[in-house]
N, C-alpha and C. Protein backbone atom coordinates (compact mmCIF):
# COMPACT_ATOMS: atom_id res chain seq x y z
N UNK A 1 9.91 -20.65 5.87
CA UNK A 1 10.57 -19.44 6.29
C UNK A 1 10.79 -18.57 5.04
N UNK A 2 10.66 -17.27 5.22
CA UNK A 2 10.90 -16.30 4.16
C UNK A 2 12.12 -15.47 4.56
N UNK A 3 13.08 -15.34 3.64
CA UNK A 3 14.29 -14.57 3.89
C UNK A 3 14.35 -13.39 2.92
N UNK A 4 15.01 -12.35 3.37
CA UNK A 4 15.26 -11.18 2.52
C UNK A 4 16.63 -10.62 2.89
N UNK A 5 17.32 -10.14 1.88
CA UNK A 5 18.66 -9.59 2.13
C UNK A 5 18.55 -8.14 2.60
N UNK A 6 19.26 -7.86 3.68
CA UNK A 6 19.43 -6.50 4.20
C UNK A 6 20.92 -6.29 4.35
N UNK A 7 21.50 -5.46 3.51
CA UNK A 7 22.94 -5.22 3.58
C UNK A 7 23.73 -6.47 3.27
N UNK A 8 24.56 -6.91 4.21
CA UNK A 8 25.42 -8.06 3.96
C UNK A 8 24.90 -9.34 4.61
N UNK A 9 23.62 -9.36 4.98
CA UNK A 9 23.04 -10.56 5.61
C UNK A 9 21.63 -10.81 5.11
N UNK A 10 21.23 -12.08 5.22
CA UNK A 10 19.85 -12.47 4.97
C UNK A 10 19.16 -12.62 6.31
N UNK A 11 17.94 -12.10 6.40
CA UNK A 11 17.17 -12.16 7.64
C UNK A 11 15.80 -12.76 7.36
N UNK A 12 15.26 -13.48 8.33
CA UNK A 12 13.90 -13.98 8.21
C UNK A 12 12.95 -12.80 8.36
N UNK A 13 11.85 -12.83 7.60
CA UNK A 13 10.91 -11.71 7.60
C UNK A 13 9.47 -12.19 7.65
N UNK A 14 8.61 -11.29 8.08
CA UNK A 14 7.16 -11.45 7.99
C UNK A 14 6.67 -10.51 6.91
N UNK A 15 5.57 -10.88 6.28
CA UNK A 15 4.96 -10.00 5.28
C UNK A 15 4.34 -8.80 5.97
N UNK A 16 4.45 -7.64 5.36
CA UNK A 16 3.86 -6.42 5.91
C UNK A 16 3.28 -5.62 4.73
N UNK A 17 2.19 -6.14 4.16
CA UNK A 17 1.55 -5.50 3.02
C UNK A 17 0.46 -4.59 3.55
N UNK A 18 0.59 -3.29 3.33
CA UNK A 18 -0.35 -2.31 3.89
C UNK A 18 -0.64 -1.24 2.86
N UNK A 19 -1.91 -1.11 2.49
CA UNK A 19 -2.29 -0.14 1.46
C UNK A 19 -2.09 1.30 1.91
N UNK A 20 -1.97 1.53 3.20
CA UNK A 20 -1.82 2.89 3.70
C UNK A 20 -0.36 3.27 3.93
N UNK A 21 0.55 2.33 3.71
CA UNK A 21 1.98 2.59 3.93
C UNK A 21 2.60 3.15 2.66
N UNK A 22 3.66 3.90 2.84
CA UNK A 22 4.38 4.46 1.70
C UNK A 22 4.91 3.34 0.80
N UNK A 23 5.49 2.31 1.39
CA UNK A 23 5.90 1.12 0.66
C UNK A 23 4.88 0.04 0.98
N UNK A 24 3.89 -0.11 0.09
CA UNK A 24 2.78 -1.01 0.35
C UNK A 24 3.23 -2.46 0.48
N UNK A 25 4.21 -2.85 -0.32
CA UNK A 25 4.70 -4.23 -0.32
C UNK A 25 5.95 -4.24 0.55
N UNK A 26 5.76 -4.53 1.82
CA UNK A 26 6.86 -4.43 2.77
C UNK A 26 7.11 -5.73 3.50
N UNK A 27 8.26 -5.79 4.14
CA UNK A 27 8.66 -6.95 4.92
C UNK A 27 9.26 -6.43 6.22
N UNK A 28 9.06 -7.20 7.28
CA UNK A 28 9.55 -6.81 8.59
C UNK A 28 10.40 -7.94 9.15
N UNK A 29 11.62 -7.64 9.56
CA UNK A 29 12.48 -8.66 10.16
C UNK A 29 11.77 -9.24 11.38
N UNK A 30 11.80 -10.58 11.51
CA UNK A 30 11.17 -11.19 12.68
C UNK A 30 12.19 -11.67 13.71
N UNK A 31 13.49 -11.61 13.37
CA UNK A 31 14.54 -11.92 14.34
C UNK A 31 14.78 -13.40 14.58
N UNK A 32 14.10 -14.29 13.87
CA UNK A 32 14.28 -15.71 14.15
C UNK A 32 15.47 -16.34 13.42
N UNK A 33 15.94 -15.70 12.33
CA UNK A 33 17.07 -16.26 11.59
C UNK A 33 17.85 -15.14 10.91
N UNK A 34 19.16 -15.27 10.92
CA UNK A 34 20.04 -14.33 10.23
C UNK A 34 21.25 -15.11 9.75
N UNK A 35 21.71 -14.78 8.54
CA UNK A 35 22.85 -15.49 7.96
C UNK A 35 23.62 -14.54 7.06
N UNK A 36 24.94 -14.46 7.22
CA UNK A 36 25.73 -13.60 6.34
C UNK A 36 25.53 -14.00 4.87
N UNK A 37 25.51 -13.02 3.99
CA UNK A 37 25.22 -13.26 2.58
C UNK A 37 26.23 -14.20 1.93
N UNK A 38 27.51 -14.07 2.28
CA UNK A 38 28.52 -14.95 1.66
C UNK A 38 28.33 -16.41 2.10
N UNK A 39 27.95 -16.63 3.35
CA UNK A 39 27.67 -17.99 3.82
C UNK A 39 26.41 -18.54 3.14
N UNK A 40 25.41 -17.68 2.99
CA UNK A 40 24.17 -18.09 2.33
C UNK A 40 24.47 -18.53 0.89
N UNK A 41 25.26 -17.73 0.17
CA UNK A 41 25.59 -18.04 -1.22
C UNK A 41 26.32 -19.38 -1.35
N UNK A 42 27.14 -19.70 -0.37
CA UNK A 42 27.88 -20.96 -0.41
C UNK A 42 27.08 -22.17 0.02
N UNK A 43 26.07 -21.95 0.85
CA UNK A 43 25.33 -23.07 1.42
C UNK A 43 24.00 -23.37 0.74
N UNK A 44 23.48 -22.42 -0.03
CA UNK A 44 22.16 -22.58 -0.63
C UNK A 44 22.24 -22.45 -2.14
N UNK A 45 21.31 -23.13 -2.84
CA UNK A 45 21.20 -23.01 -4.29
C UNK A 45 19.74 -22.76 -4.65
N UNK A 46 19.56 -21.96 -5.70
CA UNK A 46 18.19 -21.64 -6.13
C UNK A 46 17.64 -22.82 -6.91
N UNK A 47 16.45 -23.25 -6.52
CA UNK A 47 15.78 -24.37 -7.16
C UNK A 47 14.85 -23.87 -8.25
N UNK A 48 14.14 -22.78 -7.95
CA UNK A 48 13.24 -22.19 -8.94
C UNK A 48 12.96 -20.74 -8.55
N UNK A 49 12.43 -20.02 -9.53
CA UNK A 49 12.09 -18.61 -9.31
C UNK A 49 10.64 -18.39 -9.71
N UNK A 50 9.99 -17.50 -9.02
CA UNK A 50 8.60 -17.13 -9.30
C UNK A 50 8.52 -15.61 -9.40
N UNK A 51 7.63 -15.15 -10.26
CA UNK A 51 7.31 -13.72 -10.33
C UNK A 51 5.84 -13.58 -10.01
N UNK A 52 5.53 -12.84 -8.95
CA UNK A 52 4.16 -12.71 -8.48
C UNK A 52 3.63 -11.33 -8.79
N UNK A 53 2.44 -11.29 -9.38
CA UNK A 53 1.80 -10.02 -9.72
C UNK A 53 0.31 -10.13 -9.38
N UNK A 54 -0.34 -9.00 -9.28
CA UNK A 54 -1.77 -8.98 -8.99
C UNK A 54 -2.37 -7.73 -9.62
N UNK A 55 -3.68 -7.77 -9.80
CA UNK A 55 -4.43 -6.64 -10.35
C UNK A 55 -5.73 -6.51 -9.59
N UNK A 56 -6.17 -5.29 -9.37
CA UNK A 56 -7.46 -5.04 -8.72
C UNK A 56 -8.17 -3.89 -9.40
N UNK A 57 -9.50 -3.96 -9.39
CA UNK A 57 -10.31 -2.89 -9.98
C UNK A 57 -11.49 -2.60 -9.08
N UNK A 58 -11.94 -1.35 -9.12
CA UNK A 58 -13.13 -0.98 -8.35
C UNK A 58 -13.30 0.52 -8.27
N UNK A 59 -14.28 0.93 -7.47
CA UNK A 59 -14.63 2.35 -7.39
C UNK A 59 -14.07 3.05 -6.15
N UNK A 60 -13.45 2.30 -5.22
CA UNK A 60 -12.84 2.91 -4.03
C UNK A 60 -11.37 2.51 -4.02
N UNK A 61 -10.49 3.50 -4.16
CA UNK A 61 -9.07 3.24 -4.35
C UNK A 61 -8.47 2.39 -3.24
N UNK A 62 -8.69 2.72 -1.99
CA UNK A 62 -8.07 1.96 -0.90
C UNK A 62 -8.57 0.52 -0.87
N UNK A 63 -9.85 0.30 -1.15
CA UNK A 63 -10.38 -1.07 -1.19
C UNK A 63 -9.74 -1.88 -2.32
N UNK A 64 -9.54 -1.23 -3.46
CA UNK A 64 -8.89 -1.90 -4.59
C UNK A 64 -7.47 -2.30 -4.21
N UNK A 65 -6.73 -1.38 -3.58
CA UNK A 65 -5.36 -1.69 -3.18
C UNK A 65 -5.32 -2.77 -2.11
N UNK A 66 -6.27 -2.74 -1.16
CA UNK A 66 -6.32 -3.78 -0.13
C UNK A 66 -6.56 -5.15 -0.74
N UNK A 67 -7.49 -5.24 -1.70
CA UNK A 67 -7.76 -6.52 -2.36
C UNK A 67 -6.53 -7.01 -3.13
N UNK A 68 -5.88 -6.09 -3.83
CA UNK A 68 -4.69 -6.45 -4.59
C UNK A 68 -3.61 -6.98 -3.65
N UNK A 69 -3.35 -6.29 -2.55
CA UNK A 69 -2.31 -6.71 -1.62
C UNK A 69 -2.68 -8.03 -0.94
N UNK A 70 -3.96 -8.24 -0.66
CA UNK A 70 -4.41 -9.51 -0.07
C UNK A 70 -4.18 -10.65 -1.07
N UNK A 71 -4.44 -10.39 -2.35
CA UNK A 71 -4.20 -11.39 -3.39
C UNK A 71 -2.71 -11.72 -3.47
N UNK A 72 -1.87 -10.70 -3.48
CA UNK A 72 -0.42 -10.90 -3.55
C UNK A 72 0.08 -11.66 -2.32
N UNK A 73 -0.41 -11.29 -1.15
CA UNK A 73 -0.03 -11.99 0.07
C UNK A 73 -0.47 -13.46 0.01
N UNK A 74 -1.66 -13.70 -0.50
CA UNK A 74 -2.14 -15.07 -0.66
C UNK A 74 -1.24 -15.88 -1.58
N UNK A 75 -0.77 -15.26 -2.65
CA UNK A 75 0.16 -15.94 -3.56
C UNK A 75 1.45 -16.33 -2.86
N UNK A 76 1.97 -15.41 -2.03
CA UNK A 76 3.21 -15.71 -1.29
C UNK A 76 2.95 -16.84 -0.30
N UNK A 77 1.82 -16.80 0.39
CA UNK A 77 1.49 -17.85 1.38
C UNK A 77 1.33 -19.21 0.68
N UNK A 78 0.66 -19.24 -0.48
CA UNK A 78 0.50 -20.51 -1.20
C UNK A 78 1.86 -21.03 -1.66
N UNK A 79 2.72 -20.14 -2.13
CA UNK A 79 4.06 -20.54 -2.53
C UNK A 79 4.83 -21.09 -1.33
N UNK A 80 4.66 -20.46 -0.20
CA UNK A 80 5.32 -20.88 1.03
C UNK A 80 4.89 -22.30 1.41
N UNK A 81 3.64 -22.64 1.15
CA UNK A 81 3.13 -23.98 1.47
C UNK A 81 3.72 -25.05 0.56
N UNK A 82 4.20 -24.68 -0.63
CA UNK A 82 4.78 -25.64 -1.56
C UNK A 82 6.25 -25.90 -1.29
N UNK A 83 6.84 -25.09 -0.43
CA UNK A 83 8.27 -25.22 -0.13
C UNK A 83 8.49 -26.49 0.68
N UNK A 84 9.42 -27.31 0.22
CA UNK A 84 9.70 -28.58 0.89
C UNK A 84 10.58 -28.42 2.12
N UNK A 85 10.80 -29.52 2.78
CA UNK A 85 11.67 -29.55 3.94
C UNK A 85 13.09 -29.20 3.50
N UNK A 86 13.75 -28.34 4.22
CA UNK A 86 15.11 -27.93 3.86
C UNK A 86 15.15 -26.85 2.80
N UNK A 87 14.00 -26.26 2.48
CA UNK A 87 13.94 -25.18 1.49
C UNK A 87 13.42 -23.92 2.15
N UNK A 88 13.76 -22.76 1.56
CA UNK A 88 13.27 -21.47 2.05
C UNK A 88 12.88 -20.60 0.86
N UNK A 89 12.02 -19.63 1.13
CA UNK A 89 11.70 -18.61 0.14
C UNK A 89 12.63 -17.43 0.36
N UNK A 90 13.11 -16.85 -0.72
CA UNK A 90 13.96 -15.66 -0.64
C UNK A 90 13.33 -14.57 -1.50
N UNK A 91 13.08 -13.42 -0.91
CA UNK A 91 12.59 -12.27 -1.66
C UNK A 91 13.78 -11.73 -2.43
N UNK A 92 13.72 -11.83 -3.76
CA UNK A 92 14.85 -11.42 -4.59
C UNK A 92 14.73 -10.00 -5.12
N UNK A 93 13.54 -9.43 -5.10
CA UNK A 93 13.36 -8.04 -5.54
C UNK A 93 14.17 -7.14 -4.62
N UNK A 94 14.88 -6.17 -5.20
CA UNK A 94 15.76 -5.32 -4.41
C UNK A 94 15.32 -3.86 -4.47
N UNK A 95 15.40 -3.19 -3.33
CA UNK A 95 15.10 -1.76 -3.26
C UNK A 95 16.01 -1.03 -4.22
N UNK A 96 15.45 -0.08 -4.95
CA UNK A 96 16.24 0.76 -5.82
C UNK A 96 16.52 0.19 -7.20
N UNK A 97 16.26 -1.10 -7.41
CA UNK A 97 16.49 -1.67 -8.74
C UNK A 97 15.20 -2.19 -9.36
N UNK A 98 14.60 -3.20 -8.73
CA UNK A 98 13.39 -3.80 -9.32
C UNK A 98 12.33 -4.08 -8.26
N UNK A 99 12.24 -3.21 -7.28
CA UNK A 99 11.30 -3.44 -6.19
C UNK A 99 9.87 -3.17 -6.64
N UNK A 100 8.93 -4.07 -6.34
CA UNK A 100 7.55 -3.89 -6.80
C UNK A 100 6.84 -2.74 -6.08
N UNK A 101 5.98 -2.11 -6.81
CA UNK A 101 5.19 -0.99 -6.30
C UNK A 101 3.81 -1.08 -6.92
N UNK A 102 2.81 -0.62 -6.19
CA UNK A 102 1.47 -0.58 -6.76
C UNK A 102 1.37 0.63 -7.66
N UNK A 103 0.74 0.44 -8.80
CA UNK A 103 0.52 1.51 -9.78
C UNK A 103 -0.98 1.60 -10.02
N UNK A 104 -1.54 2.80 -9.91
CA UNK A 104 -2.97 2.97 -10.06
C UNK A 104 -3.29 3.88 -11.23
N UNK A 105 -4.21 3.43 -12.05
CA UNK A 105 -4.75 4.26 -13.13
C UNK A 105 -6.19 4.60 -12.76
N UNK A 106 -6.55 5.86 -12.97
CA UNK A 106 -7.90 6.32 -12.66
C UNK A 106 -8.57 6.77 -13.95
N UNK A 107 -9.80 6.35 -14.09
CA UNK A 107 -10.57 6.83 -15.24
C UNK A 107 -11.98 7.14 -14.77
N UNK A 108 -12.66 7.96 -15.52
CA UNK A 108 -14.03 8.33 -15.20
C UNK A 108 -14.97 7.50 -16.06
N UNK A 109 -15.95 6.89 -15.41
CA UNK A 109 -16.95 6.13 -16.14
C UNK A 109 -18.32 6.70 -15.79
N UNK A 110 -19.29 6.46 -16.64
CA UNK A 110 -20.65 6.94 -16.40
C UNK A 110 -21.49 5.76 -15.91
N UNK A 111 -22.07 5.94 -14.71
CA UNK A 111 -22.93 4.92 -14.12
C UNK A 111 -24.28 5.57 -13.82
N UNK A 112 -25.31 5.09 -14.48
CA UNK A 112 -26.67 5.62 -14.30
C UNK A 112 -26.68 7.14 -14.45
N UNK A 113 -25.99 7.63 -15.46
CA UNK A 113 -25.99 9.05 -15.76
C UNK A 113 -25.07 9.90 -14.89
N UNK A 114 -24.32 9.29 -13.97
CA UNK A 114 -23.40 10.03 -13.10
C UNK A 114 -21.96 9.64 -13.41
N UNK A 115 -21.07 10.62 -13.32
CA UNK A 115 -19.64 10.35 -13.47
C UNK A 115 -19.11 9.72 -12.19
N UNK A 116 -18.42 8.60 -12.34
CA UNK A 116 -17.82 7.90 -11.20
C UNK A 116 -16.36 7.60 -11.53
N UNK A 117 -15.54 7.57 -10.51
CA UNK A 117 -14.14 7.19 -10.70
C UNK A 117 -14.03 5.67 -10.66
N UNK A 118 -13.15 5.14 -11.50
CA UNK A 118 -12.87 3.71 -11.52
C UNK A 118 -11.36 3.54 -11.44
N UNK A 119 -10.91 2.73 -10.50
CA UNK A 119 -9.48 2.55 -10.25
C UNK A 119 -9.03 1.16 -10.70
N UNK A 120 -7.91 1.12 -11.40
CA UNK A 120 -7.27 -0.14 -11.76
C UNK A 120 -5.86 -0.08 -11.20
N UNK A 121 -5.57 -1.03 -10.31
CA UNK A 121 -4.26 -1.06 -9.64
C UNK A 121 -3.54 -2.35 -10.00
N UNK A 122 -2.27 -2.22 -10.31
CA UNK A 122 -1.43 -3.37 -10.63
C UNK A 122 -0.14 -3.29 -9.82
N UNK A 123 0.58 -4.40 -9.78
CA UNK A 123 1.91 -4.44 -9.16
C UNK A 123 2.92 -4.48 -10.29
N UNK A 124 3.84 -3.51 -10.27
CA UNK A 124 4.87 -3.49 -11.30
C UNK A 124 6.18 -2.98 -10.72
N UNK A 125 7.28 -3.59 -10.96
CA UNK A 125 7.43 -4.90 -11.58
C UNK A 125 6.94 -6.00 -10.63
N UNK A 126 6.80 -7.23 -11.11
CA UNK A 126 6.34 -8.31 -10.24
C UNK A 126 7.29 -8.54 -9.07
N UNK A 127 6.76 -9.10 -8.00
CA UNK A 127 7.57 -9.49 -6.85
C UNK A 127 8.32 -10.76 -7.21
N UNK A 128 9.65 -10.69 -7.19
CA UNK A 128 10.47 -11.86 -7.52
C UNK A 128 10.79 -12.63 -6.25
N UNK A 129 10.47 -13.92 -6.27
CA UNK A 129 10.70 -14.79 -5.11
C UNK A 129 11.41 -16.04 -5.60
N UNK A 130 12.46 -16.43 -4.90
CA UNK A 130 13.19 -17.65 -5.24
C UNK A 130 12.99 -18.70 -4.18
N UNK A 131 12.98 -19.94 -4.62
CA UNK A 131 12.95 -21.07 -3.70
C UNK A 131 14.36 -21.63 -3.66
N UNK A 132 14.94 -21.69 -2.47
CA UNK A 132 16.33 -22.13 -2.29
C UNK A 132 16.37 -23.39 -1.43
N UNK A 133 17.36 -24.23 -1.75
CA UNK A 133 17.56 -25.50 -1.02
C UNK A 133 19.01 -25.57 -0.59
N UNK A 134 19.26 -26.16 0.57
CA UNK A 134 20.63 -26.36 1.04
C UNK A 134 21.38 -27.23 0.04
N UNK A 135 22.62 -26.86 -0.23
CA UNK A 135 23.46 -27.66 -1.13
C UNK A 135 23.79 -28.98 -0.44
N UNK A 136 23.89 -30.03 -1.25
CA UNK A 136 24.20 -31.35 -0.71
C UNK A 136 25.66 -31.50 -0.36
């Protein structure tokens, strides 16, 4: 399960990474779990933290962003598979402070005598994800 804080509660979420969305790295509440933040803080402890980043390059901007987001989503899914019984993933990046965003640099390169655009897209800052376990 993946949780993210919204206001004074943690909610279970699905990944919603979309290169055409204003916030490409997004999450959508799935309604299966909700827990007040103060109860969560008392009942769970962070076991480890991960910072996930990705980079993509190519000649079509949307394709580069799609590959980057697919890579980032794959990293989250692989991390989710390593979570043990009684553990959850928590998206720790917060809107307005350290929320990840795709950043694209464009440069012109010469290919077979023609000027072509080349896009390099990165995620900055990295997506912070914590693995939490119920306190004993």
